[in-house]
Amino acid sequence: MIEQLFFDTDCLSSFLWVRNENILVQLYGGKIVVPKQVYDELSNPRVPHLKQKTDILLKDNHIEMGEIYVDSPEYSIYQELTGVSGRPKKIIGKGEASAIAMSKVKNGILASNNLKDVMCYVKEFDLKHIDTGHILIEAIDEQIISFNEAEAIWLEMIKRRRTLPCGTFSEYANSIFGE
C-alpha cells in the first residue's frame, strides 16, 4: 500500500500561499490527506484563497479529507496532544495534533514545518516526517523544478511570512547535505 502523507496547516499553506500546490500534486497527488482540523484552519475568512485552493484540490481528488471519529485510536491521541485528556509533553494546535494522530495510527508520513512543536512527538511515536525543504528537494530530484526555482519558491514563502528553518533554500540544502 502506498503511504499516505498527513499535512498540517503550516506545510500545506506554504505551498498554497505561493501558488505552487502543483508541486504537491505532481509528487503526491492522491496520497495527501488533509485532516478536517487542518481544513478548518485553512478556512479562515481573512485568507479565503487558501480554502478555495484546498477545495479545488479536494474536488479534483488530488487530496482527501481525513476525519477523526470519537472512540477511534486517532481521537485518543488527538485529545492527549491538544490537552483535552491526559498530560502531554507539549500541548499543540489542532492541525498538528490531528496530522500526528492520523500519521501514527495509519502508519503514514507527517508533513509539517512546525518542528519545535512536533519533533518531540515525531520521536515519541517514531513517525516518518517531511517538511517543505524535503518536498522541494524531492521535486528537484524528480525534475519537477530546478534548484534555482526551489530557491525562488523558498524566498517567496519567507516573503509570505511562512516559518522555515533557514533564510534560504541553499542554507537548508547545505544543512541537509553538509556541503
Protein backbone atom coordinates (compact mmCIF):
# COMPACT_ATOMS: atom_id res chain seq x y z
CA MET A 1 0.00 0.00 0.00
CA ILE A 2 1.22 3.49 -0.86
CA GLU A 3 1.98 5.57 2.21
CA GLN A 4 -0.31 8.50 2.81
CA LEU A 5 1.00 11.92 3.74
CA PHE A 6 -0.82 13.78 6.51
CA PHE A 7 -0.31 17.51 6.11
CA ASP A 8 -0.65 20.05 8.85
CA THR A 9 -1.65 23.62 8.13
CA ASP A 10 1.78 25.24 8.00
CA CYS A 11 3.26 22.83 5.48
CA LEU A 12 0.28 22.80 3.12
CA SER A 13 -0.28 26.54 3.35
CA SER A 14 3.36 27.23 2.48
CA PHE A 15 2.68 25.85 -1.00
CA LEU A 16 -0.80 27.37 -1.25
CA TRP A 17 0.41 30.88 -0.37
CA VAL A 18 2.95 30.90 -3.22
CA ARG A 19 0.67 29.18 -5.73
CA ASN A 20 2.85 26.07 -6.01
CA GLU A 21 0.44 23.39 -4.87
CA ASN A 22 1.13 21.80 -8.27
CA ILE A 23 4.42 20.51 -6.80
CA LEU A 24 2.47 18.59 -4.14
CA VAL A 25 0.07 17.24 -6.75
CA GLN A 26 2.88 16.06 -9.03
CA LEU A 27 4.79 14.39 -6.19
CA TYR A 28 1.98 13.06 -4.00
CA GLY A 29 -1.36 13.53 -5.77
CA GLY A 30 -3.90 11.05 -4.42
CA LYS A 31 -1.78 10.27 -1.33
CA ILE A 32 -2.32 13.57 0.52
CA VAL A 33 -4.68 13.61 3.48
CA VAL A 34 -5.79 16.91 4.97
CA PRO A 35 -7.31 16.37 8.41
CA LYS A 36 -10.62 18.17 8.92
CA GLN A 37 -8.97 20.28 11.65
CA VAL A 38 -6.39 21.50 9.11
CA TYR A 39 -9.13 22.24 6.60
CA ASP A 40 -10.91 24.28 9.27
CA GLU A 41 -7.71 26.27 9.94
CA LEU A 42 -7.35 26.91 6.19
CA SER A 43 -10.95 28.19 6.13
CA ASN A 44 -10.03 31.48 7.80
CA PRO A 45 -12.25 34.15 6.22
CA ARG A 46 -9.33 36.64 6.25
CA VAL A 47 -7.47 34.48 3.70
CA PRO A 48 -10.21 32.88 1.58
CA HIS A 49 -7.84 31.85 -1.21
CA LEU A 50 -6.33 29.10 0.97
CA LYS A 51 -9.71 27.40 1.39
CA GLN A 52 -10.58 27.96 -2.28
CA LYS A 53 -7.37 26.28 -3.44
CA THR A 54 -7.88 23.43 -0.98
CA ASP A 55 -11.45 22.95 -2.21
CA ILE A 56 -10.17 22.67 -5.80
CA LEU A 57 -7.60 20.06 -4.75
CA LEU A 58 -10.35 18.12 -2.97
CA LYS A 59 -12.75 18.37 -5.92
CA ASP A 60 -10.05 17.14 -8.32
CA ASN A 61 -9.21 14.21 -5.98
CA HIS A 62 -5.60 15.32 -5.55
CA ILE A 63 -6.13 15.35 -1.78
CA GLU A 64 -8.67 13.82 0.56
CA MET A 65 -10.22 14.99 3.78
CA GLY A 66 -9.34 13.00 6.86
CA GLU A 67 -11.80 12.65 9.72
CA ILE A 68 -11.07 11.69 13.30
CA TYR A 69 -14.01 9.89 14.86
CA VAL A 70 -14.85 9.72 18.57
CA ASP A 71 -13.64 6.49 20.19
CA SER A 72 -11.07 5.91 17.44
CA PRO A 73 -7.37 5.43 18.25
CA GLU A 74 -6.69 8.75 16.47
CA TYR A 75 -9.17 10.52 18.73
CA SER A 76 -7.43 9.37 21.89
CA ILE A 77 -4.06 10.61 20.64
CA TYR A 78 -5.60 13.85 19.36
CA GLN A 79 -7.23 14.58 22.72
CA GLU A 80 -3.99 13.95 24.55
CA LEU A 81 -1.91 16.17 22.25
CA THR A 82 -4.38 19.05 22.48
CA GLY A 83 -4.54 18.78 26.26
CA VAL A 84 -8.19 17.67 26.41
CA SER A 85 -7.24 14.47 28.22
CA GLY A 86 -4.03 13.34 29.81
CA ARG A 87 -0.90 15.36 30.27
CA PRO A 88 1.02 15.74 27.04
CA LYS A 89 4.68 16.67 26.93
CA LYS A 90 3.60 19.70 24.98
CA ILE A 91 0.11 20.91 24.08
CA ILE A 92 -0.04 21.61 20.35
CA GLY A 93 -2.57 23.01 17.91
CA LYS A 94 -5.47 21.07 16.48
CA GLY A 95 -3.97 20.90 12.98
CA GLU A 96 -0.64 19.49 14.14
CA ALA A 97 -2.34 17.15 16.62
CA SER A 98 -4.72 15.71 14.02
CA ALA A 99 -1.95 15.18 11.46
CA ILE A 100 0.25 13.48 14.08
CA ALA A 101 -2.57 11.26 15.35
CA MET A 102 -3.54 10.16 11.85
CA SER A 103 0.09 9.60 10.81
CA LYS A 104 0.67 7.44 13.86
CA VAL A 105 -2.43 5.27 13.58
CA LYS A 106 -2.36 4.91 9.80
CA ASN A 107 1.43 4.47 9.62
CA GLY A 108 1.75 7.41 7.26
CA ILE A 109 4.10 10.33 6.83
CA LEU A 110 3.70 13.57 8.74
CA ALA A 111 4.22 16.72 6.64
CA SER A 112 4.94 19.62 8.98
CA ASN A 113 7.22 22.63 9.17
CA ASN A 114 6.43 23.29 12.81
CA LEU A 115 9.48 21.46 14.10
CA LYS A 116 9.59 22.97 17.58
CA ASP A 117 6.06 21.74 18.29
CA VAL A 118 6.07 18.36 16.55
CA MET A 119 9.59 16.91 16.84
CA CYS A 120 9.11 15.51 20.35
CA TYR A 121 6.08 13.59 19.03
CA VAL A 122 7.84 12.54 15.83
CA LYS A 123 10.44 10.91 18.07
CA GLU A 124 7.98 9.54 20.65
CA PHE A 125 5.73 7.94 18.02
CA ASP A 126 8.60 7.04 15.66
CA LEU A 127 6.91 8.87 12.79
CA LYS A 128 8.19 9.38 9.29
CA HIS A 129 8.39 13.12 8.74
CA ILE A 130 8.95 15.57 5.91
CA ASP A 131 8.89 19.34 5.71
CA THR A 132 8.81 21.94 2.95
CA GLY A 133 12.55 21.63 2.36
CA HIS A 134 12.31 17.85 1.91
CA ILE A 135 9.46 18.35 -0.54
CA LEU A 136 11.44 20.86 -2.59
CA ILE A 137 14.47 18.55 -2.65
CA GLU A 138 12.26 15.69 -3.87
CA ALA A 139 10.78 18.00 -6.53
CA ILE A 140 14.32 18.78 -7.73
CA ASP A 141 15.22 15.08 -7.74
CA GLU A 142 12.09 14.32 -9.78
CA GLN A 143 12.96 17.18 -12.16
CA ILE A 144 9.72 19.00 -11.43
CA ILE A 145 11.64 22.17 -10.54
CA SER A 146 15.24 23.32 -10.70
CA PHE A 147 17.40 24.28 -7.74
CA ASN A 148 17.03 27.95 -8.70
CA GLU A 149 13.24 27.57 -8.81
CA ALA A 150 13.32 25.94 -5.36
CA GLU A 151 15.34 28.90 -4.09
CA ALA A 152 12.82 31.36 -5.55
CA ILE A 153 9.88 29.43 -4.09
CA TRP A 154 11.56 29.34 -0.67
CA LEU A 155 12.22 33.09 -0.73
CA GLU A 156 8.61 33.75 -1.75
CA MET A 157 7.44 31.59 1.16
CA ILE A 158 9.61 33.62 3.52
CA LYS A 159 8.23 36.82 2.00
CA ARG A 160 4.72 35.48 2.71
CA ARG A 161 5.75 35.00 6.36
CA ARG A 162 5.94 31.23 6.24
CA THR A 163 8.17 29.94 9.03
CA LEU A 164 11.04 27.92 7.57
CA PRO A 165 14.20 26.72 9.31
CA CYS A 166 16.66 28.73 7.19
CA GLY A 167 16.67 32.07 5.40
CA THR A 168 17.37 30.48 2.01
CA PHE A 169 16.86 27.13 0.37
CA SER A 170 20.63 26.93 -0.22
CA GLU A 171 21.23 27.14 3.53
CA TYR A 172 18.62 24.42 4.09
CA ALA A 173 20.15 22.13 1.45
CA ASN A 174 23.62 22.70 2.94
CA SER A 175 22.32 21.77 6.38
CA ILE A 176 20.87 18.52 4.99
CA PHE A 177 23.74 17.53 2.72
CA GLY A 178 26.57 19.04 4.77
CA GLU A 179 28.12 20.93 1.91
